[in-house]
């Protein structure tokens, strides 16, 4: 995923690179004898340009801990590859503090690449509760949430109002409107992010979770996907393509392609991250003023979104640990989190901001997003998450294109995930 939103233009990845290294002190947490010093902050996907001014403010007030901004690739896969290659390189790696995709925390922690952090150094109680879980592994805090995200269902308010149809709360209501209302207005019915990449894993997990299923348990050591909920969730996606209310073109969509289709007035419903609501509502959009947002529907009512976002973590071999912790505290402070939203279009982790009247006026989707985040669940936790995601993408793709039935797809998922977990 690419992120100017958290998701989500997919992932905003920040990497703080501290000068030099220390071979000792691994796993000791925050500030220590390593003290303070200059930092380098690398970012992938800062496409709104909000981060530079934040760092200028930091540099002005912290002249002995200046941060230099460096950019990594926009692609989450490329950023992950660069990070893991560097972290495997030993104690002189470039990356000392990393803002990692929320689903990378278990992998990086299990590999020993990032150090546990002291909970009392950071204002975790002020965050939306589910986001803290994405920063933990094996009962310990290995990162600090920086931005969050949850999927929303965007819809055409004008079209539903003309038909006297309320926004859908269930899959049946979504299917009915996508199948009958959309064609009357020359629209395709429903789309998400269905190209085989991380976005398809997210969409598939949301469908499975919404139907009451799970994929993995016990930090990835147990495969739980072979269930009625998983079959129902994958069947929902496969049925949409088979019956045509999910257009075949949607099988090529990532975040940007799906946003563009909705923004150009070609879709009735779209599952995407909140940034797509902002873009579709902005001046110049063909559907500006005609966009609504509700939580993702499920079989019998509101469904379950997957949590997006990114977490700040510290390399096991980082130098200047106190500066790293101070920078993390700065980036997660209330004033900076406010600017993360207003200047960067990224959903903050601070709970109080979602109830701020001025922010709600400017970002009317915030109450819906808060509801979605509070009901959201993390992607399957696994130290081998990259392999888990590839398996989910391949199998769900085959189900959506009709190569496998949902029942056969779930059995295959169980087998292949078990093989990944046993490696």
Protein backbone atom coordinates (compact mmCIF):
# COMPACT_ATOMS: atom_id res chain seq x y z
CA UNK A 1 0.00 0.00 0.00
CA UNK A 2 1.05 3.59 -0.53
CA UNK A 3 0.18 5.96 2.25
CA UNK A 4 -0.67 9.60 2.47
CA UNK A 5 -3.50 8.50 4.65
CA UNK A 6 -2.74 5.50 6.53
CA UNK A 7 -3.58 3.71 4.79
CA UNK A 8 -4.63 4.78 4.27
CA UNK A 9 -2.29 6.52 0.07
CA UNK A 10 -1.50 3.39 1.98
CA UNK A 11 1.46 3.36 4.27
CA UNK A 12 3.31 6.34 5.63
CA UNK A 13 6.58 4.81 6.80
CA UNK A 14 8.97 6.97 8.78
CA UNK A 15 12.41 5.71 9.61
CA UNK A 16 14.49 7.59 12.13
CA UNK A 17 18.15 6.90 11.54
CA UNK A 18 20.46 7.77 14.38
CA UNK A 19 24.12 8.56 13.83
CA UNK A 20 26.54 5.80 14.84
CA UNK A 21 25.78 2.66 16.83
CA UNK A 22 26.25 0.90 20.14
CA UNK A 23 26.71 -2.81 20.52
CA UNK A 24 25.55 -2.92 24.12
CA UNK A 25 22.32 -2.04 25.90
CA UNK A 26 20.01 -4.05 23.65
CA UNK A 27 16.51 -4.42 25.00
CA UNK A 28 16.89 -1.85 27.78
CA UNK A 29 14.11 0.46 26.62
CA UNK A 30 14.07 4.26 26.49
CA UNK A 31 16.60 6.90 27.61
CA UNK A 32 19.90 5.57 28.87
CA UNK A 33 23.61 6.31 28.94
CA UNK A 34 23.55 6.54 25.14
CA UNK A 35 21.87 9.95 25.68
CA UNK A 36 20.99 12.46 23.00
CA UNK A 37 22.23 13.39 19.57
CA UNK A 38 21.29 14.17 15.96
CA UNK A 39 18.79 12.03 14.09
CA UNK A 40 17.93 11.28 10.48
CA UNK A 41 14.29 10.70 9.61
CA UNK A 42 13.49 8.85 6.40
CA UNK A 43 9.96 8.68 5.08
CA UNK A 44 8.13 6.85 2.35
CA UNK A 45 4.93 8.34 1.07
CA UNK A 46 4.90 11.81 2.67
CA UNK A 47 2.99 13.01 -0.37
CA UNK A 48 1.22 15.85 1.43
CA UNK A 49 4.45 17.44 2.61
CA UNK A 50 3.23 17.85 6.19
CA UNK A 51 6.24 16.25 7.85
CA UNK A 52 8.88 18.80 6.90
CA UNK A 53 7.31 21.63 8.93
CA UNK A 54 6.91 19.31 11.95
CA UNK A 55 10.61 18.52 11.85
CA UNK A 56 11.54 22.17 11.35
CA UNK A 57 9.74 22.94 14.61
CA UNK A 58 11.58 20.08 16.34
CA UNK A 59 14.96 21.24 15.01
CA UNK A 60 14.36 24.82 16.11
CA UNK A 61 13.68 23.74 19.70
CA UNK A 62 16.15 20.82 19.81
CA UNK A 63 19.35 22.11 18.17
CA UNK A 64 21.44 19.30 19.66
CA UNK A 65 19.04 16.62 18.34
CA UNK A 66 18.47 17.84 14.80
CA UNK A 67 16.50 15.57 12.48
CA UNK A 68 17.41 15.24 8.82
CA UNK A 69 14.62 14.00 6.54
CA UNK A 70 15.35 11.19 4.04
CA UNK A 71 12.80 9.49 1.79
CA UNK A 72 12.39 5.77 1.16
CA UNK A 73 10.25 4.24 -1.63
CA UNK A 74 6.48 4.87 -1.59
CA UNK A 75 5.73 1.16 -1.94
CA UNK A 76 5.23 -0.63 1.39
CA UNK A 77 6.76 -3.80 -0.08
CA UNK A 78 9.90 -1.93 -1.18
CA UNK A 79 10.16 -0.11 2.13
CA UNK A 80 9.80 -3.40 4.02
CA UNK A 81 12.51 -4.94 1.85
CA UNK A 82 14.92 -2.06 2.50
CA UNK A 83 14.25 -2.09 6.23
CA UNK A 84 14.65 -5.83 6.68
CA UNK A 85 17.77 -5.96 4.53
CA UNK A 86 19.33 -3.25 6.66
CA UNK A 87 18.22 -4.75 9.96
CA UNK A 88 19.67 -8.13 9.01
CA UNK A 89 23.00 -6.44 8.35
CA UNK A 90 24.12 -6.28 11.96
CA UNK A 91 24.88 -3.56 14.43
CA UNK A 92 25.90 -0.81 12.00
CA UNK A 93 22.58 -0.55 10.16
CA UNK A 94 21.33 2.84 9.03
CA UNK A 95 17.85 2.49 10.50
CA UNK A 96 17.68 3.11 14.22
CA UNK A 97 14.08 4.16 14.82
CA UNK A 98 11.45 2.99 12.39
CA UNK A 99 7.84 3.91 11.83
CA UNK A 100 6.65 0.53 10.65
CA UNK A 101 3.35 -0.64 9.23
CA UNK A 102 1.25 -1.92 12.12
CA UNK A 103 1.39 -5.49 10.86
CA UNK A 104 5.19 -5.57 10.84
CA UNK A 105 5.52 -5.24 14.64
CA UNK A 106 5.40 -9.01 15.40
CA UNK A 107 7.88 -9.84 12.63
CA UNK A 108 10.40 -7.21 13.69
CA UNK A 109 10.00 -8.04 17.40
CA UNK A 110 10.31 -11.81 16.94
CA UNK A 111 13.45 -11.32 14.84
CA UNK A 112 15.05 -9.26 17.60
CA UNK A 113 15.37 -6.20 15.37
CA UNK A 114 13.46 -3.78 17.63
CA UNK A 115 13.71 -3.31 21.38
CA UNK A 116 10.93 -3.40 24.00
CA UNK A 117 9.85 0.07 25.10
CA UNK A 118 8.86 1.32 28.57
CA UNK A 119 5.11 1.86 28.69
CA UNK A 120 5.36 4.66 31.23
CA UNK A 121 7.39 6.84 28.85
CA UNK A 122 4.49 7.30 26.43
CA UNK A 123 0.84 8.48 26.85
CA UNK A 124 -0.74 5.17 25.83
CA UNK A 125 -3.90 5.79 27.87
CA UNK A 126 -4.74 8.78 25.69
CA UNK A 127 -4.77 6.65 22.53
CA UNK A 128 -7.70 4.81 21.00
CA UNK A 129 -7.44 1.41 22.77
CA UNK A 130 -7.25 -0.92 19.73
CA UNK A 131 -4.23 0.84 18.27
CA UNK A 132 -2.06 -0.04 21.26
CA UNK A 133 -2.58 -3.74 20.57
CA UNK A 134 -0.92 -3.34 17.16
CA UNK A 135 2.25 -2.18 18.91
CA UNK A 136 2.57 -5.19 21.21
CA UNK A 137 3.97 -8.68 20.74
CA UNK A 138 4.23 -11.50 23.24
CA UNK A 139 2.82 -9.27 25.95
CA UNK A 140 5.40 -6.49 25.55
CA UNK A 141 5.30 -3.03 23.99
CA UNK A 142 7.65 -2.95 21.00
CA UNK A 143 6.46 0.27 19.35
CA UNK A 144 4.35 3.37 19.92
CA UNK A 145 1.30 4.01 17.69
CA UNK A 146 1.77 7.03 15.44
CA UNK A 147 -1.17 7.01 13.02
CA UNK A 148 -4.13 4.69 12.76
CA UNK A 149 -6.70 3.87 10.12
CA UNK A 150 -9.85 1.87 9.54
CA UNK A 151 -11.79 1.07 6.41
CA UNK A 152 -15.03 2.93 5.69
CA UNK A 153 -17.83 2.35 3.22
CA UNK A 154 -18.17 5.42 1.00
CA UNK A 155 -21.44 5.83 -0.87
CA UNK A 156 -23.25 8.22 -3.19
CA UNK A 157 -25.69 10.14 -0.99
CA UNK A 158 -27.54 11.61 -3.95
CA UNK A 159 -28.19 8.25 -5.61
CA UNK A 160 -29.44 6.52 -2.47
CA UNK A 161 -31.61 9.52 -1.58
CA UNK A 162 -33.20 9.50 -5.05
CA UNK A 163 -34.17 5.87 -4.54
CA UNK A 164 -35.26 6.29 -0.92
CA UNK A 165 -32.65 3.74 0.16
CA UNK A 166 -30.71 4.20 3.42
CA UNK A 167 -26.96 3.54 3.61
CA UNK A 168 -26.39 -0.22 3.96
CA UNK A 169 -25.77 -1.74 7.39
CA UNK A 170 -25.66 -5.36 6.20
CA UNK A 171 -24.17 -7.27 3.29
CA UNK A 172 -27.65 -8.09 2.01
CA UNK A 173 -28.54 -4.39 1.85
CA UNK A 174 -25.26 -3.59 0.13
CA UNK A 175 -25.70 -6.38 -2.41
CA UNK A 176 -29.29 -5.39 -3.16
CA UNK A 177 -28.44 -1.75 -3.83
CA UNK A 178 -25.26 -2.61 -5.76
CA UNK A 179 -27.20 -5.05 -7.93
CA UNK A 180 -30.38 -3.00 -8.55
CA UNK A 181 -29.82 0.70 -7.79
CA UNK A 182 -26.36 1.14 -9.29
CA UNK A 183 -27.28 0.05 -12.86
CA UNK A 184 -30.27 2.42 -12.91
CA UNK A 185 -27.85 5.30 -12.49
CA UNK A 186 -25.17 3.98 -14.85
CA UNK A 187 -22.85 2.97 -12.00
CA UNK A 188 -20.91 -0.09 -11.00
CA UNK A 189 -21.99 -1.48 -7.65
CA UNK A 190 -19.17 -2.07 -5.18
CA UNK A 191 -15.38 -2.14 -5.13
CA UNK A 192 -12.53 -2.46 -2.71
CA UNK A 193 -8.85 -3.17 -3.25
CA UNK A 194 -8.83 -6.53 -4.97
CA UNK A 195 -5.51 -6.68 -6.85
CA UNK A 196 -3.30 -9.39 -5.30
CA UNK A 197 -1.25 -7.25 -2.91
CA UNK A 198 -1.57 -6.22 0.74
CA UNK A 199 -4.88 -4.48 0.03
CA UNK A 200 -6.51 -7.78 -0.92
CA UNK A 201 -5.30 -9.30 2.36
CA UNK A 202 -6.95 -6.40 4.20
CA UNK A 203 -10.24 -6.72 2.30
CA UNK A 204 -10.31 -10.49 2.78
CA UNK A 205 -9.54 -10.24 6.50
CA UNK A 206 -12.32 -7.68 6.93
CA UNK A 207 -14.81 -9.99 5.24
CA UNK A 208 -13.72 -12.95 7.38
CA UNK A 209 -13.75 -10.92 10.62
CA UNK A 210 -17.12 -9.37 9.82
CA UNK A 211 -18.61 -12.85 9.49
CA UNK A 212 -17.21 -13.88 12.86
CA UNK A 213 -14.19 -15.77 11.58
CA UNK A 214 -10.48 -15.44 12.27
CA UNK A 215 -7.32 -16.36 10.38
CA UNK A 216 -4.59 -16.97 12.96
CA UNK A 217 -4.46 -17.18 16.75
CA UNK A 218 -1.85 -17.22 19.52
CA UNK A 219 0.54 -14.74 17.87
CA UNK A 220 0.43 -16.71 14.61
CA UNK A 221 1.21 -20.13 16.05
CA UNK A 222 -2.32 -21.50 15.50
CA UNK A 223 -4.31 -21.53 12.24
CA UNK A 224 -8.00 -20.74 12.84
CA UNK A 225 -9.23 -19.95 9.34
CA UNK A 226 -11.10 -23.22 8.69
CA UNK A 227 -14.46 -21.95 9.94
CA UNK A 228 -17.97 -21.06 8.81
CA UNK A 229 -17.14 -17.36 9.23
CA UNK A 230 -14.19 -17.55 6.88
CA UNK A 231 -16.24 -19.42 4.29
CA UNK A 232 -19.04 -16.85 4.53
CA UNK A 233 -16.64 -13.92 4.21
CA UNK A 234 -14.81 -15.24 1.17
CA UNK A 235 -18.12 -16.29 -0.39
CA UNK A 236 -19.36 -12.69 -0.08
CA UNK A 237 -16.44 -11.41 -2.17
CA UNK A 238 -16.60 -14.26 -4.69
CA UNK A 239 -20.36 -13.87 -5.10
CA UNK A 240 -19.98 -10.18 -5.89
CA UNK A 241 -17.70 -10.87 -8.85
CA UNK A 242 -19.74 -13.83 -10.05
CA UNK A 243 -23.02 -11.88 -9.94
CA UNK A 244 -21.50 -8.71 -11.37
CA UNK A 245 -22.18 -6.20 -8.59
CA UNK A 246 -18.41 -6.20 -8.06
CA UNK A 247 -17.09 -5.26 -11.52
CA UNK A 248 -14.28 -7.35 -12.96
CA UNK A 249 -12.24 -4.17 -13.29
CA UNK A 250 -12.14 -4.00 -9.48
CA UNK A 251 -9.86 -7.05 -9.53
CA UNK A 252 -7.16 -4.62 -10.76
CA UNK A 253 -7.77 -1.96 -8.10
CA UNK A 254 -5.41 -0.80 -5.39
CA UNK A 255 -6.26 2.21 -3.19
CA UNK A 256 -5.66 4.84 -5.82
CA UNK A 257 -7.44 3.08 -8.68
CA UNK A 258 -10.51 2.41 -6.55
CA UNK A 259 -10.54 5.99 -5.23
CA UNK A 260 -10.33 7.33 -8.76
CA UNK A 261 -13.24 5.18 -9.92
CA UNK A 262 -15.42 6.50 -7.10
CA UNK A 263 -14.22 10.08 -7.46
CA UNK A 264 -14.98 10.03 -11.17
CA UNK A 265 -18.56 8.97 -10.49
CA UNK A 266 -18.32 5.35 -11.64
CA UNK A 267 -19.16 3.55 -8.36
CA UNK A 268 -22.08 3.50 -5.96
CA UNK A 269 -20.10 2.00 -3.05
CA UNK A 270 -16.42 1.89 -2.21
CA UNK A 271 -14.48 0.35 0.65
CA UNK A 272 -11.41 2.51 1.26
CA UNK A 273 -9.49 4.45 3.90
CA UNK A 274 -10.65 7.90 5.06
CA UNK A 275 -8.29 9.74 2.73
CA UNK A 276 -10.54 8.64 -0.14
CA UNK A 277 -13.48 10.42 1.52
CA UNK A 278 -11.39 13.59 1.77
CA UNK A 279 -10.34 13.38 -1.88
CA UNK A 280 -13.83 12.57 -3.17
CA UNK A 281 -15.29 15.48 -1.19
CA UNK A 282 -12.69 18.03 -2.29
CA UNK A 283 -13.18 20.77 -4.83
CA UNK A 284 -12.71 19.39 -8.32
CA UNK A 285 -14.08 15.94 -7.53
CA UNK A 286 -17.03 14.96 -9.73
CA UNK A 287 -18.91 13.72 -6.66
CA UNK A 288 -18.02 16.54 -4.24
CA UNK A 289 -20.92 17.23 -1.87
CA UNK A 290 -22.55 13.89 -2.69
CA UNK A 291 -20.39 11.54 -0.61
CA UNK A 292 -21.36 9.78 2.61
CA UNK A 293 -19.45 7.36 4.84
CA UNK A 294 -20.62 4.62 7.20
CA UNK A 295 -18.88 1.72 8.96
CA UNK A 296 -18.29 -1.36 6.83
CA UNK A 297 -21.37 -3.60 6.78
CA UNK A 298 -21.38 -7.23 7.86
CA UNK A 299 -23.77 -10.16 7.56
CA UNK A 300 -26.17 -8.94 10.26
CA UNK A 301 -25.09 -5.38 10.98
CA UNK A 302 -21.92 -3.30 11.10
CA UNK A 303 -18.87 -5.34 10.21
CA UNK A 304 -15.26 -5.26 11.34
CA UNK A 305 -12.53 -3.21 9.74
CA UNK A 306 -8.87 -4.09 9.78
CA UNK A 307 -6.66 -1.58 11.55
CA UNK A 308 -4.25 0.32 9.37
CA UNK A 309 -1.61 2.82 10.36
CA UNK A 310 1.98 2.79 11.51
CA UNK A 311 3.97 2.43 14.72
CA UNK A 312 7.27 3.96 15.83
CA UNK A 313 9.85 1.39 16.92
CA UNK A 314 13.51 1.57 17.97
CA UNK A 315 16.25 -0.58 16.47
CA UNK A 316 17.90 -2.90 18.96
CA UNK A 317 21.29 -1.34 18.13
CA UNK A 318 20.15 2.30 18.13
CA UNK A 319 22.36 5.05 19.52
CA UNK A 320 20.98 8.15 21.25
CA UNK A 321 18.10 6.25 22.82
CA UNK A 322 16.87 9.22 24.82
CA UNK A 323 16.61 11.35 21.69
CA UNK A 324 14.73 8.55 19.94
CA UNK A 325 12.22 8.35 22.78
CA UNK A 326 11.89 12.14 22.91
CA UNK A 327 11.19 12.33 19.19
CA UNK A 328 8.58 9.58 19.45
CA UNK A 329 6.92 11.44 22.33
CA UNK A 330 6.92 14.62 20.23
CA UNK A 331 5.36 12.95 17.18
CA UNK A 332 2.62 11.41 19.34
CA UNK A 333 1.90 14.56 21.36
CA UNK A 334 -1.55 16.13 21.10
CA UNK A 335 -0.50 19.28 19.15
CA UNK A 336 1.49 17.26 16.62
CA UNK A 337 -1.23 14.63 16.29
CA UNK A 338 -3.65 17.45 15.49
CA UNK A 339 -1.36 18.61 12.70
CA UNK A 340 -0.94 15.02 11.48
CA UNK A 341 -4.69 15.13 10.79
CA UNK A 342 -5.11 18.70 9.55
CA UNK A 343 -1.94 18.91 7.44
CA UNK A 344 -1.27 15.29 6.58
CA UNK A 345 -4.80 13.84 6.23
CA UNK A 346 -3.69 10.98 8.49
CA UNK A 347 -5.98 9.64 11.24
CA UNK A 348 -4.44 10.39 14.65
CA UNK A 349 -4.09 7.94 17.52
CA UNK A 350 -5.18 10.46 20.19
CA UNK A 351 -8.77 9.62 21.19
CA UNK A 352 -9.80 13.15 22.23
CA UNK A 353 -9.22 14.55 18.74
CA UNK A 354 -12.11 12.48 17.36
CA UNK A 355 -14.53 14.42 19.58
CA UNK A 356 -13.12 17.90 19.01
CA UNK A 357 -15.99 20.01 17.59
CA UNK A 358 -13.75 22.10 15.35
CA UNK A 359 -12.08 19.02 13.87
CA UNK A 360 -15.40 17.21 13.39
CA UNK A 361 -16.69 20.27 11.53
CA UNK A 362 -13.73 20.17 9.16
CA UNK A 363 -13.52 16.36 9.00
CA UNK A 364 -17.12 15.12 9.30
CA UNK A 365 -16.11 11.47 8.91
CA UNK A 366 -14.27 11.48 12.27
CA UNK A 367 -17.14 10.11 14.41
CA UNK A 368 -17.67 7.28 11.91
CA UNK A 369 -13.95 6.61 11.79
CA UNK A 370 -13.75 6.52 15.59
CA UNK A 371 -16.58 3.98 15.67
CA UNK A 372 -14.79 1.90 13.04
CA UNK A 373 -11.41 2.02 14.80
CA UNK A 374 -12.92 1.04 18.15
CA UNK A 375 -14.56 -2.00 16.51
CA UNK A 376 -11.57 -2.85 14.33
CA UNK A 377 -9.16 -5.76 14.61
CA UNK A 378 -5.50 -6.09 13.65
CA UNK A 379 -4.38 -8.14 10.71
CA UNK A 380 -3.26 -11.67 11.62
CA UNK A 381 -0.30 -11.40 13.98
CA UNK A 382 2.61 -13.50 12.82
CA UNK A 383 6.38 -13.36 12.85
CA UNK A 384 6.06 -14.51 9.21
CA UNK A 385 3.40 -12.01 8.25
CA UNK A 386 4.79 -11.35 4.77
CA UNK A 387 4.36 -15.05 3.91
CA UNK A 388 0.90 -15.15 5.53
CA UNK A 389 -0.22 -12.21 3.43
CA UNK A 390 1.04 -13.75 0.19
CA UNK A 391 -0.90 -16.94 0.90
CA UNK A 392 -4.12 -15.03 1.65
CA UNK A 393 -3.76 -12.95 -1.51
CA UNK A 394 -3.22 -15.96 -3.77
CA UNK A 395 -6.03 -18.08 -2.37
CA UNK A 396 -8.65 -15.31 -2.15
CA UNK A 397 -7.78 -14.21 -5.68
CA UNK A 398 -8.52 -17.71 -6.94
CA UNK A 399 -11.85 -17.71 -5.10
CA UNK A 400 -12.85 -14.31 -6.50
CA UNK A 401 -11.97 -15.30 -10.07
CA UNK A 402 -13.89 -18.57 -9.80
CA UNK A 403 -10.88 -20.89 -9.92
CA UNK A 404 -11.84 -22.32 -6.52
CA UNK A 405 -15.05 -22.46 -4.53
CA UNK A 406 -15.04 -20.56 -1.23
CA UNK A 407 -15.16 -23.89 0.61
CA UNK A 408 -12.12 -25.24 -1.24
CA UNK A 409 -10.33 -21.91 -0.82
CA UNK A 410 -10.73 -22.02 2.96
CA UNK A 411 -9.42 -25.59 3.15
CA UNK A 412 -6.42 -24.57 1.04
CA UNK A 413 -5.86 -21.51 3.22
CA UNK A 414 -5.76 -23.71 6.31
CA UNK A 415 -3.21 -26.06 4.72
CA UNK A 416 -0.90 -23.37 3.37
CA UNK A 417 -1.03 -21.23 6.50
CA UNK A 418 -0.21 -24.29 8.60
CA UNK A 419 2.84 -24.87 6.39
CA UNK A 420 3.94 -21.25 6.89
CA UNK A 421 3.46 -21.46 10.65
CA UNK A 422 5.50 -24.65 10.94
CA UNK A 423 8.60 -23.26 9.20
